Amino acid sequence: MSKDSTYSDQARVIIYACVTDLPGDPQARHTTLGELFCEQVLGRHLNAKLQLSGYDHMYIPPDFDSDQPKKKWFIYDLNVTSRLKEDELLAIPHVVFLASRQNDKW
């Protein structure tokens, strides 16, 4: 997935991040990370609003709101129109990222 790809393509994006590196409200970390990824990598906004034309589905890991520096896997299914069945999920690209910060930059 890149800014050059078609934004209507379905993909599963998996991001490994330290929860305390995510700024803002701890209860919104999954959304914050999704927004950061979509804006910085894809050049678009996170589209979490459920709609028939497509949306970005987020899977929320346990302890995502911890005040301890726990590392978690955040999973996003991009541009889906419903929950994917196993065969549909296996047919779309999977991309894995390691998120890290240096001097407040991702």
PDB file of N, CA and C in Angstrom:
ATOM      1  N   MET A   1       0.845  -1.171   0.000  1.00  0.00           N
ATOM      2  CA  MET A   1       0.000   0.000   0.000  1.00  0.00           C
ATOM      3  C   MET A   1       0.892   1.236   0.000  1.00  0.00           C
ATOM      4  N   SER A   2       0.598   2.135  -0.864  1.00  0.00           N
ATOM      5  CA  SER A   2       1.338   3.387  -0.909  1.00  0.00           C
ATOM      6  C   SER A   2       0.433   4.473  -1.430  1.00  0.00           C
ATOM      7  N   LYS A   3       0.935   5.683  -1.428  1.00  0.00           N
ATOM      8  CA  LYS A   3       0.150   6.789  -1.952  1.00  0.00           C
ATOM      9  C   LYS A   3      -0.151   6.584  -3.431  1.00  0.00           C
ATOM     10  N   ASP A   4       0.646   5.756  -4.107  1.00  0.00           N
ATOM     11  CA  ASP A   4       0.431   5.504  -5.528  1.00  0.00           C
ATOM     12  C   ASP A   4      -0.651   4.461  -5.782  1.00  0.00           C
ATOM     13  N   SER A   5      -1.019   3.688  -4.764  1.00  0.00           N
ATOM     14  CA  SER A   5      -2.021   2.648  -4.967  1.00  0.00           C
ATOM     15  C   SER A   5      -3.408   3.259  -5.042  1.00  0.00           C
ATOM     16  N   THR A   6      -4.329   2.495  -5.606  1.00  0.00           N
ATOM     17  CA  THR A   6      -5.707   2.936  -5.673  1.00  0.00           C
ATOM     18  C   THR A   6      -6.311   2.816  -4.293  1.00  0.00           C
ATOM     19  N   TYR A   7      -6.933   3.871  -3.802  1.00  0.00           N
ATOM     20  CA  TYR A   7      -7.444   3.872  -2.448  1.00  0.00           C
ATOM     21  C   TYR A   7      -8.702   3.031  -2.299  1.00  0.00           C
ATOM     22  N   SER A   8      -9.216   2.498  -3.374  1.00  0.00           N
ATOM     23  CA  SER A   8     -10.386   1.625  -3.283  1.00  0.00           C
ATOM     24  C   SER A   8      -9.977   0.165  -3.118  1.00  0.00           C
ATOM     25  N   ASP A   9      -8.682  -0.136  -3.158  1.00  0.00           N
ATOM     26  CA  ASP A   9      -8.209  -1.508  -2.984  1.00  0.00           C
ATOM     27  C   ASP A   9      -8.407  -1.963  -1.545  1.00  0.00           C
ATOM     28  N   GLN A  10      -8.847  -3.212  -1.399  1.00  0.00           N
ATOM     29  CA  GLN A  10      -8.958  -3.788  -0.067  1.00  0.00           C
ATOM     30  C   GLN A  10      -7.593  -4.299   0.369  1.00  0.00           C
ATOM     31  N   ALA A  11      -7.308  -4.172   1.647  1.00  0.00           N
ATOM     32  CA  ALA A  11      -6.053  -4.678   2.199  1.00  0.00           C
ATOM     33  C   ALA A  11      -6.189  -4.816   3.701  1.00  0.00           C
ATOM     34  N   ARG A  12      -5.406  -5.709   4.265  1.00  0.00           N
ATOM     35  CA  ARG A  12      -5.289  -5.812   5.723  1.00  0.00           C
ATOM     36  C   ARG A  12      -3.943  -5.217   6.091  1.00  0.00           C
ATOM     37  N   VAL A  13      -3.983  -4.241   6.986  1.00  0.00           N
ATOM     38  CA  VAL A  13      -2.778  -3.588   7.476  1.00  0.00           C
ATOM     39  C   VAL A  13      -2.631  -3.942   8.945  1.00  0.00           C
ATOM     40  N   ILE A  14      -1.445  -4.411   9.305  1.00  0.00           N
ATOM     41  CA  ILE A  14      -1.155  -4.810  10.676  1.00  0.00           C
ATOM     42  C   ILE A  14       0.004  -3.943  11.155  1.00  0.00           C
ATOM     43  N   ILE A  15      -0.210  -3.249  12.267  1.00  0.00           N
ATOM     44  CA  ILE A  15       0.793  -2.315  12.772  1.00  0.00           C
ATOM     45  C   ILE A  15       1.150  -2.697  14.209  1.00  0.00           C
ATOM     46  N   TYR A  16       2.440  -2.887  14.442  1.00  0.00           N
ATOM     47  CA  TYR A  16       2.947  -3.203  15.780  1.00  0.00           C
ATOM     48  C   TYR A  16       3.435  -1.901  16.403  1.00  0.00           C
ATOM     49  N   ALA A  17       2.853  -1.530  17.537  1.00  0.00           N
ATOM     50  CA  ALA A  17       3.200  -0.254  18.149  1.00  0.00           C
ATOM     51  C   ALA A  17       3.157  -0.344  19.665  1.00  0.00           C
ATOM     52  N   CYS A  18       3.930   0.510  20.303  1.00  0.00           N
ATOM     53  CA  CYS A  18       3.887   0.661  21.749  1.00  0.00           C
ATOM     54  C   CYS A  18       2.718   1.590  22.069  1.00  0.00           C
ATOM     55  N   VAL A  19       1.807   1.118  22.901  1.00  0.00           N
ATOM     56  CA  VAL A  19       0.573   1.873  23.143  1.00  0.00           C
ATOM     57  C   VAL A  19       0.825   3.251  23.756  1.00  0.00           C
ATOM     58  N   THR A  20       1.858   3.381  24.576  1.00  0.00           N
ATOM     59  CA  THR A  20       2.113   4.674  25.208  1.00  0.00           C
ATOM     60  C   THR A  20       2.781   5.670  24.257  1.00  0.00           C
ATOM     61  N   ASP A  21       3.205   5.223  23.078  1.00  0.00           N
ATOM     62  CA  ASP A  21       3.737   6.134  22.063  1.00  0.00           C
ATOM     63  C   ASP A  21       2.619   6.877  21.333  1.00  0.00           C
ATOM     64  N   LEU A  22       1.394   6.367  21.446  1.00  0.00           N
ATOM     65  CA  LEU A  22       0.273   6.974  20.734  1.00  0.00           C
ATOM     66  C   LEU A  22      -0.255   8.163  21.509  1.00  0.00           C
ATOM     67  N   PRO A  23      -0.293   9.336  20.888  1.00  0.00           N
ATOM     68  CA  PRO A  23      -0.716  10.542  21.589  1.00  0.00           C
ATOM     69  C   PRO A  23      -2.227  10.593  21.811  1.00  0.00           C
ATOM     70  N   GLY A  24      -2.618  11.433  22.742  1.00  0.00           N
ATOM     71  CA  GLY A  24      -4.042  11.682  22.949  1.00  0.00           C
ATOM     72  C   GLY A  24      -4.700  10.725  23.924  1.00  0.00           C
ATOM     73  N   ASP A  25      -6.008  10.654  23.824  1.00  0.00           N
ATOM     74  CA  ASP A  25      -6.852   9.851  24.705  1.00  0.00           C
ATOM     75  C   ASP A  25      -6.507   8.363  24.578  1.00  0.00           C
ATOM     76  N   PRO A  26      -6.154   7.694  25.671  1.00  0.00           N
ATOM     77  CA  PRO A  26      -5.839   6.261  25.605  1.00  0.00           C
ATOM     78  C   PRO A  26      -6.988   5.415  25.046  1.00  0.00           C
ATOM     79  N   GLN A  27      -8.239   5.850  25.246  1.00  0.00           N
ATOM     80  CA  GLN A  27      -9.391   5.106  24.727  1.00  0.00           C
ATOM     81  C   GLN A  27      -9.528   5.248  23.210  1.00  0.00           C
ATOM     82  N   ALA A  28      -8.809   6.169  22.605  1.00  0.00           N
ATOM     83  CA  ALA A  28      -8.900   6.403  21.159  1.00  0.00           C
ATOM     84  C   ALA A  28      -7.619   6.006  20.426  1.00  0.00           C
ATOM     85  N   ARG A  29      -6.752   5.241  21.073  1.00  0.00           N
ATOM     86  CA  ARG A  29      -5.461   4.908  20.456  1.00  0.00           C
ATOM     87  C   ARG A  29      -5.599   4.159  19.134  1.00  0.00           C
ATOM     88  N   HIS A  30      -6.554   3.247  19.037  1.00  0.00           N
ATOM     89  CA  HIS A  30      -6.746   2.500  17.797  1.00  0.00           C
ATOM     90  C   HIS A  30      -7.136   3.440  16.656  1.00  0.00           C
ATOM     91  N   THR A  31      -7.960   4.424  16.945  1.00  0.00           N
ATOM     92  CA  THR A  31      -8.350   5.402  15.929  1.00  0.00           C
ATOM     93  C   THR A  31      -7.188   6.334  15.606  1.00  0.00           C
ATOM     94  N   THR A  32      -6.474   6.782  16.623  1.00  0.00           N
ATOM     95  CA  THR A  32      -5.325   7.661  16.423  1.00  0.00           C
ATOM     96  C   THR A  32      -4.292   7.009  15.519  1.00  0.00           C
ATOM     97  N   LEU A  33      -3.944   5.748  15.793  1.00  0.00           N
ATOM     98  CA  LEU A  33      -2.958   5.053  14.974  1.00  0.00           C
ATOM     99  C   LEU A  33      -3.466   4.871  13.549  1.00  0.00           C
ATOM    100  N   GLY A  34      -4.738   4.503  13.391  1.00  0.00           N
ATOM    101  CA  GLY A  34      -5.309   4.358  12.058  1.00  0.00           C
ATOM    102  C   GLY A  34      -5.283   5.659  11.277  1.00  0.00           C
ATOM    103  N   GLU A  35      -5.604   6.763  11.952  1.00  0.00           N
ATOM    104  CA  GLU A  35      -5.559   8.074  11.296  1.00  0.00           C
ATOM    105  C   GLU A  35      -4.135   8.437  10.887  1.00  0.00           C
ATOM    106  N   LEU A  36      -3.178   8.228  11.802  1.00  0.00           N
ATOM    107  CA  LEU A  36      -1.775   8.517  11.482  1.00  0.00           C
ATOM    108  C   LEU A  36      -1.309   7.702  10.276  1.00  0.00           C
ATOM    109  N   PHE A  37      -1.634   6.416  10.273  1.00  0.00           N
ATOM    110  CA  PHE A  37      -1.225   5.558   9.166  1.00  0.00           C
ATOM    111  C   PHE A  37      -1.846   6.020   7.841  1.00  0.00           C
ATOM    112  N   CYS A  38      -3.154   6.202   7.848  1.00  0.00           N
ATOM    113  CA  CYS A  38      -3.838   6.576   6.607  1.00  0.00           C
ATOM    114  C   CYS A  38      -3.336   7.908   6.066  1.00  0.00           C
ATOM    115  N   GLU A  39      -3.126   8.873   6.947  1.00  0.00           N
ATOM    116  CA  GLU A  39      -2.670  10.183   6.501  1.00  0.00           C
ATOM    117  C   GLU A  39      -1.221  10.162   6.027  1.00  0.00           C
ATOM    118  N   GLN A  40      -0.330   9.517   6.795  1.00  0.00           N
ATOM    119  CA  GLN A  40       1.091   9.565   6.473  1.00  0.00           C
ATOM    120  C   GLN A  40       1.507   8.572   5.405  1.00  0.00           C
ATOM    121  N   VAL A  41       0.854   7.424   5.338  1.00  0.00           N
ATOM    122  CA  VAL A  41       1.258   6.397   4.374  1.00  0.00           C
ATOM    123  C   VAL A  41       0.380   6.420   3.125  1.00  0.00           C
ATOM    124  N   LEU A  42      -0.926   6.550   3.315  1.00  0.00           N
ATOM    125  CA  LEU A  42      -1.842   6.484   2.176  1.00  0.00           C
ATOM    126  C   LEU A  42      -2.242   7.844   1.630  1.00  0.00           C
ATOM    127  N   GLY A  43      -2.005   8.898   2.401  1.00  0.00           N
ATOM    128  CA  GLY A  43      -2.384  10.227   1.942  1.00  0.00           C
ATOM    129  C   GLY A  43      -3.887  10.445   1.920  1.00  0.00           C
ATOM    130  N   ARG A  44      -4.580   9.813   2.847  1.00  0.00           N
ATOM    131  CA  ARG A  44      -6.037   9.980   2.951  1.00  0.00           C
ATOM    132  C   ARG A  44      -6.438   9.857   4.408  1.00  0.00           C
ATOM    133  N   HIS A  45      -7.709  10.145   4.686  1.00  0.00           N
ATOM    134  CA  HIS A  45      -8.212  10.035   6.050  1.00  0.00           C
ATOM    135  C   HIS A  45      -8.695   8.613   6.333  1.00  0.00           C
ATOM    136  N   LEU A  46      -8.644   8.224   7.598  1.00  0.00           N
ATOM    137  CA  LEU A  46      -9.249   6.972   8.041  1.00  0.00           C
ATOM    138  C   LEU A  46     -10.751   7.094   7.851  1.00  0.00           C
ATOM    139  N   ASN A  47     -11.358   6.074   7.270  1.00  0.00           N
ATOM    140  CA  ASN A  47     -12.797   6.092   7.015  1.00  0.00           C
ATOM    141  C   ASN A  47     -13.453   4.997   7.858  1.00  0.00           C
ATOM    142  N   ALA A  48     -13.672   5.284   9.137  1.00  0.00           N
ATOM    143  CA  ALA A  48     -14.208   4.279  10.060  1.00  0.00           C
ATOM    144  C   ALA A  48     -15.733   4.243  10.085  1.00  0.00           C
ATOM    145  N   LYS A  49     -16.386   5.159   9.387  1.00  0.00           N
ATOM    146  CA  LYS A  49     -17.856   5.192   9.374  1.00  0.00           C
ATOM    147  C   LYS A  49     -18.386   4.071   8.483  1.00  0.00           C
ATOM    148  N   LEU A  50     -19.209   3.211   9.084  1.00  0.00           N
ATOM    149  CA  LEU A  50     -19.796   2.081   8.360  1.00  0.00           C
ATOM    150  C   LEU A  50     -20.660   2.582   7.204  1.00  0.00           C
ATOM    151  N   GLN A  51     -20.320   2.162   5.974  1.00  0.00           N
ATOM    152  CA  GLN A  51     -21.122   2.542   4.816  1.00  0.00           C
ATOM    153  C   GLN A  51     -20.967   1.496   3.725  1.00  0.00           C
ATOM    154  N   LEU A  52     -21.980   1.360   2.908  1.00  0.00           N
ATOM    155  CA  LEU A  52     -22.001   0.328   1.872  1.00  0.00           C
ATOM    156  C   LEU A  52     -20.900   0.506   0.839  1.00  0.00           C
ATOM    157  N   SER A  53     -20.492   1.731   0.581  1.00  0.00           N
ATOM    158  CA  SER A  53     -19.476   1.982  -0.437  1.00  0.00           C
ATOM    159  C   SER A  53     -18.075   1.594   0.021  1.00  0.00           C
ATOM    160  N   GLY A  54     -17.903   1.326   1.315  1.00  0.00           N
ATOM    161  CA  GLY A  54     -16.606   0.907   1.838  1.00  0.00           C
ATOM    162  C   GLY A  54     -16.205   1.705   3.061  1.00  0.00           C
ATOM    163  N   TYR A  55     -15.464   1.064   3.920  1.00  0.00           N
ATOM    164  CA  TYR A  55     -15.000   1.693   5.155  1.00  0.00           C
ATOM    165  C   TYR A  55     -13.747   0.976   5.630  1.00  0.00           C
ATOM    166  N   ASP A  56     -13.119   1.514   6.645  1.00  0.00           N
ATOM    167  CA  ASP A  56     -11.921   0.924   7.244  1.00  0.00           C
ATOM    168  C   ASP A  56     -12.320   0.337   8.598  1.00  0.00           C
ATOM    169  N   HIS A  57     -12.191  -0.978   8.718  1.00  0.00           N
ATOM    170  CA  HIS A  57     -12.581  -1.662   9.951  1.00  0.00           C
ATOM    171  C   HIS A  57     -11.372  -1.833  10.848  1.00  0.00           C
ATOM    172  N   MET A  58     -11.548  -1.545  12.148  1.00  0.00           N
ATOM    173  CA  MET A  58     -10.453  -1.632  13.107  1.00  0.00           C
ATOM    174  C   MET A  58     -10.703  -2.763  14.098  1.00  0.00           C
ATOM    175  N   TYR A  59      -9.655  -3.533  14.369  1.00  0.00           N
ATOM    176  CA  TYR A  59      -9.689  -4.549  15.420  1.00  0.00           C
ATOM    177  C   TYR A  59      -8.893  -3.988  16.592  1.00  0.00           C
ATOM    178  N   ILE A  60      -9.492  -3.986  17.772  1.00  0.00           N
ATOM    179  CA  ILE A  60      -8.885  -3.346  18.933  1.00  0.00           C
ATOM    180  C   ILE A  60      -8.242  -4.411  19.826  1.00  0.00           C
ATOM    181  N   PRO A  61      -6.921  -4.315  20.044  1.00  0.00           N
ATOM    182  CA  PRO A  61      -6.265  -5.321  20.889  1.00  0.00           C
ATOM    183  C   PRO A  61      -6.554  -5.094  22.366  1.00  0.00           C
ATOM    184  N   PRO A  62      -6.454  -6.153  23.166  1.00  0.00           N
ATOM    185  CA  PRO A  62      -6.630  -5.980  24.616  1.00  0.00           C
ATOM    186  C   PRO A  62      -5.519  -5.094  25.176  1.00  0.00           C
ATOM    187  N   ASP A  63      -5.838  -4.360  26.230  1.00  0.00           N
ATOM    188  CA  ASP A  63      -4.885  -3.471  26.918  1.00  0.00           C
ATOM    189  C   ASP A  63      -4.349  -2.342  26.034  1.00  0.00           C
ATOM    190  N   PHE A  64      -5.079  -1.995  24.981  1.00  0.00           N
ATOM    191  CA  PHE A  64      -4.641  -0.903  24.109  1.00  0.00           C
ATOM    192  C   PHE A  64      -4.614   0.433  24.849  1.00  0.00           C
ATOM    193  N   ASP A  65      -5.356   0.525  25.938  1.00  0.00           N
ATOM    194  CA  ASP A  65      -5.444   1.769  26.697  1.00  0.00           C
ATOM    195  C   ASP A  65      -4.571   1.753  27.958  1.00  0.00           C
ATOM    196  N   SER A  66      -3.648   0.818  28.034  1.00  0.00           N
ATOM    197  CA  SER A  66      -2.780   0.669  29.206  1.00  0.00           C
ATOM    198  C   SER A  66      -1.888   1.896  29.400  1.00  0.00           C
ATOM    199  N   ASP A  67      -1.568   2.188  30.668  1.00  0.00           N
ATOM    200  CA  ASP A  67      -0.611   3.255  30.938  1.00  0.00           C
ATOM    201  C   ASP A  67       0.821   2.705  30.983  1.00  0.00           C
ATOM    202  N   GLN A  68       0.967   1.403  30.770  1.00  0.00           N
ATOM    203  CA  GLN A  68       2.270   0.747  30.693  1.00  0.00           C
ATOM    204  C   GLN A  68       2.712   0.682  29.216  1.00  0.00           C
ATOM    205  N   PRO A  69       4.009   0.713  28.938  1.00  0.00           N
ATOM    206  CA  PRO A  69       4.493   0.706  27.553  1.00  0.00           C
ATOM    207  C   PRO A  69       4.402  -0.685  26.904  1.00  0.00           C
ATOM    208  N   LYS A  70       3.175  -1.145  26.718  1.00  0.00           N
ATOM    209  CA  LYS A  70       2.946  -2.464  26.113  1.00  0.00           C
ATOM    210  C   LYS A  70       2.943  -2.355  24.595  1.00  0.00           C
ATOM    211  N   LYS A  71       3.520  -3.355  23.959  1.00  0.00           N
ATOM    212  CA  LYS A  71       3.517  -3.396  22.494  1.00  0.00           C
ATOM    213  C   LYS A  71       2.370  -4.291  22.036  1.00  0.00           C
ATOM    214  N   LYS A  72       1.595  -3.776  21.087  1.00  0.00           N
ATOM    215  CA  LYS A  72       0.390  -4.467  20.625  1.00  0.00           C
ATOM    216  C   LYS A  72       0.316  -4.455  19.104  1.00  0.00           C
ATOM    217  N   TRP A  73      -0.404  -5.450  18.592  1.00  0.00           N
ATOM    218  CA  TRP A  73      -0.699  -5.523  17.168  1.00  0.00           C
ATOM    219  C   TRP A  73      -2.060  -4.880  16.918  1.00  0.00           C
ATOM    220  N   PHE A  74      -2.103  -3.858  16.075  1.00  0.00           N
ATOM    221  CA  PHE A  74      -3.343  -3.209  15.675  1.00  0.00           C
ATOM    222  C   PHE A  74      -3.641  -3.649  14.245  1.00  0.00           C
ATOM    223  N   ILE A  75      -4.862  -4.058  13.988  1.00  0.00           N
ATOM    224  CA  ILE A  75      -5.234  -4.596  12.676  1.00  0.00           C
ATOM    225  C   ILE A  75      -6.337  -3.737  12.069  1.00  0.00           C
ATOM    226  N   TYR A  76      -6.142  -3.405  10.792  1.00  0.00           N
ATOM    227  CA  TYR A  76      -7.105  -2.587  10.052  1.00  0.00           C
ATOM    228  C   TYR A  76      -7.409  -3.273   8.722  1.00  0.00           C
ATOM    229  N   ASP A  77      -8.678  -3.476   8.445  1.00  0.00           N
ATOM    230  CA  ASP A  77      -9.101  -3.942   7.122  1.00  0.00           C
ATOM    231  C   ASP A  77      -9.576  -2.711   6.373  1.00  0.00           C
ATOM    232  N   LEU A  78      -8.854  -2.347   5.323  1.00  0.00           N
ATOM    233  CA  LEU A  78      -9.132  -1.120   4.594  1.00  0.00           C
ATOM    234  C   LEU A  78     -10.061  -1.363   3.410  1.00  0.00           C
ATOM    235  N   ASN A  79     -10.970  -0.424   3.224  1.00  0.00           N
ATOM    236  CA  ASN A  79     -11.874  -0.405   2.060  1.00  0.00           C
ATOM    237  C   ASN A  79     -12.729  -1.658   1.946  1.00  0.00           C
ATOM    238  N   VAL A  80     -13.262  -2.113   3.057  1.00  0.00           N
ATOM    239  CA  VAL A  80     -14.142  -3.282   3.039  1.00  0.00           C
ATOM    240  C   VAL A  80     -15.600  -2.823   3.046  1.00  0.00           C
ATOM    241  N   THR A  81     -16.487  -3.715   2.610  1.00  0.00           N
ATOM    242  CA  THR A  81     -17.915  -3.398   2.612  1.00  0.00           C
ATOM    243  C   THR A  81     -18.670  -4.239   3.631  1.00  0.00           C
ATOM    244  N   SER A  82     -17.984  -5.202   4.241  1.00  0.00           N
ATOM    245  CA  SER A  82     -18.554  -6.030   5.295  1.00  0.00           C
ATOM    246  C   SER A  82     -17.407  -6.801   5.936  1.00  0.00           C
ATOM    247  N   ARG A  83     -17.730  -7.521   6.995  1.00  0.00           N
ATOM    248  CA  ARG A  83     -16.704  -8.374   7.613  1.00  0.00           C
ATOM    249  C   ARG A  83     -16.291  -9.438   6.597  1.00  0.00           C
ATOM    250  N   LEU A  84     -14.997  -9.637   6.444  1.00  0.00           N
ATOM    251  CA  LEU A  84     -14.491 -10.564   5.442  1.00  0.00           C
ATOM    252  C   LEU A  84     -14.531 -12.006   5.933  1.00  0.00           C
ATOM    253  N   LYS A  85     -14.942 -12.886   5.042  1.00  0.00           N
ATOM    254  CA  LYS A  85     -14.870 -14.318   5.333  1.00  0.00           C
ATOM    255  C   LYS A  85     -13.424 -14.753   5.138  1.00  0.00           C
ATOM    256  N   GLU A  86     -13.080 -15.926   5.656  1.00  0.00           N
ATOM    257  CA  GLU A  86     -11.688 -16.380   5.616  1.00  0.00           C
ATOM    258  C   GLU A  86     -11.111 -16.379   4.205  1.00  0.00           C
ATOM    259  N   ASP A  87     -11.854 -16.901   3.221  1.00  0.00           N
ATOM    260  CA  ASP A  87     -11.324 -16.956   1.863  1.00  0.00           C
ATOM    261  C   ASP A  87     -11.157 -15.556   1.265  1.00  0.00           C
ATOM    262  N   GLU A  88     -12.049 -14.624   1.614  1.00  0.00           N
ATOM    263  CA  GLU A  88     -11.923 -13.242   1.144  1.00  0.00           C
ATOM    264  C   GLU A  88     -10.714 -12.571   1.789  1.00  0.00           C
ATOM    265  N   LEU A  89     -10.526 -12.825   3.065  1.00  0.00           N
ATOM    266  CA  LEU A  89      -9.404 -12.246   3.787  1.00  0.00           C
ATOM    267  C   LEU A  89      -8.072 -12.738   3.223  1.00  0.00           C
ATOM    268  N   LEU A  90      -7.994 -14.020   2.926  1.00  0.00           N
ATOM    269  CA  LEU A  90      -6.750 -14.578   2.390  1.00  0.00           C
ATOM    270  C   LEU A  90      -6.452 -14.086   0.978  1.00  0.00           C
ATOM    271  N   ALA A  91      -7.458 -13.584   0.282  1.00  0.00           N
ATOM    272  CA  ALA A  91      -7.291 -13.130  -1.098  1.00  0.00           C
ATOM    273  C   ALA A  91      -6.804 -11.686  -1.206  1.00  0.00           C
ATOM    274  N   ILE A  92      -6.837 -10.925  -0.130  1.00  0.00           N
ATOM    275  CA  ILE A  92      -6.410  -9.523  -0.208  1.00  0.00           C
ATOM    276  C   ILE A  92      -4.980  -9.383   0.308  1.00  0.00           C
ATOM    277  N   PRO A  93      -4.291  -8.316  -0.114  1.00  0.00           N
ATOM    278  CA  PRO A  93      -2.917  -8.099   0.369  1.00  0.00           C
ATOM    279  C   PRO A  93      -2.877  -7.860   1.873  1.00  0.00           C
ATOM    280  N   HIS A  94      -1.820  -8.342   2.502  1.00  0.00           N
ATOM    281  CA  HIS A  94      -1.553  -8.110   3.917  1.00  0.00           C
ATOM    282  C   HIS A  94      -0.226  -7.358   3.999  1.00  0.00           C
ATOM    283  N   VAL A  95      -0.213  -6.270   4.757  1.00  0.00           N
ATOM    284  CA  VAL A  95       0.985  -5.461   4.912  1.00  0.00           C
ATOM    285  C   VAL A  95       1.227  -5.271   6.401  1.00  0.00           C
ATOM    286  N   VAL A  96       2.470  -5.457   6.826  1.00  0.00           N
ATOM    287  CA  VAL A  96       2.815  -5.344   8.242  1.00  0.00           C
ATOM    288  C   VAL A  96       3.805  -4.197   8.423  1.00  0.00           C
ATOM    289  N   PHE A  97       3.548  -3.368   9.451  1.00  0.00           N
ATOM    290  CA  PHE A  97       4.405  -2.230   9.753  1.00  0.00           C
ATOM    291  C   PHE A  97       4.818  -2.274  11.214  1.00  0.00           C
ATOM    292  N   LEU A  98       6.007  -1.769  11.486  1.00  0.00           N
ATOM    293  CA  LEU A  98       6.481  -1.541  12.842  1.00  0.00           C
ATOM    294  C   LEU A  98       6.474  -0.039  13.038  1.00  0.00           C
ATOM    295  N   ALA A  99       5.654   0.444  13.939  1.00  0.00           N
ATOM    296  CA  ALA A  99       5.567   1.882  14.198  1.00  0.00           C
ATOM    297  C   ALA A  99       6.561   2.254  15.285  1.00  0.00           C
ATOM    298  N   SER A 100       7.298   3.324  15.051  1.00  0.00           N
ATOM    299  CA  SER A 100       8.220   3.817  16.064  1.00  0.00           C
ATOM    300  C   SER A 100       8.285   5.343  15.983  1.00  0.00           C
ATOM    301  N   ARG A 101       8.686   5.936  17.075  1.00  0.00           N
ATOM    302  CA  ARG A 101       8.774   7.394  17.146  1.00  0.00           C
ATOM    303  C   ARG A 101      10.173   7.814  17.516  1.00  0.00           C
ATOM    304  N   GLN A 102      10.610   8.910  16.888  1.00  0.00           N
ATOM    305  CA  GLN A 102      11.858   9.554  17.261  1.00  0.00           C
ATOM    306  C   GLN A 102      11.595  11.047  17.270  1.00  0.00           C
ATOM    307  N   ASN A 103      11.864  11.683  18.402  1.00  0.00           N
ATOM    308  CA  ASN A 103      11.634  13.131  18.537  1.00  0.00           C
ATOM    309  C   ASN A 103      10.239  13.523  18.118  1.00  0.00           C
ATOM    310  N   ASP A 104       9.249  12.779  18.586  1.00  0.00           N
ATOM    311  CA  ASP A 104       7.834  13.034  18.309  1.00  0.00           C
ATOM    312  C   ASP A 104       7.458  12.886  16.844  1.00  0.00           C
ATOM    313  N   LYS A 105       8.267  12.205  16.050  1.00  0.00           N
ATOM    314  CA  LYS A 105       7.938  11.933  14.644  1.00  0.00           C
ATOM    315  C   LYS A 105       7.847  10.443  14.439  1.00  0.00           C
ATOM    316  N   TRP A 106       6.880  10.023  13.630  1.00  0.00           N
ATOM    317  CA  TRP A 106       6.679   8.600  13.330  1.00  0.00           C
ATOM    318  C   TRP A 106       7.585   8.189  12.206  1.00  0.00           C
TER     319      TRP A 106
END
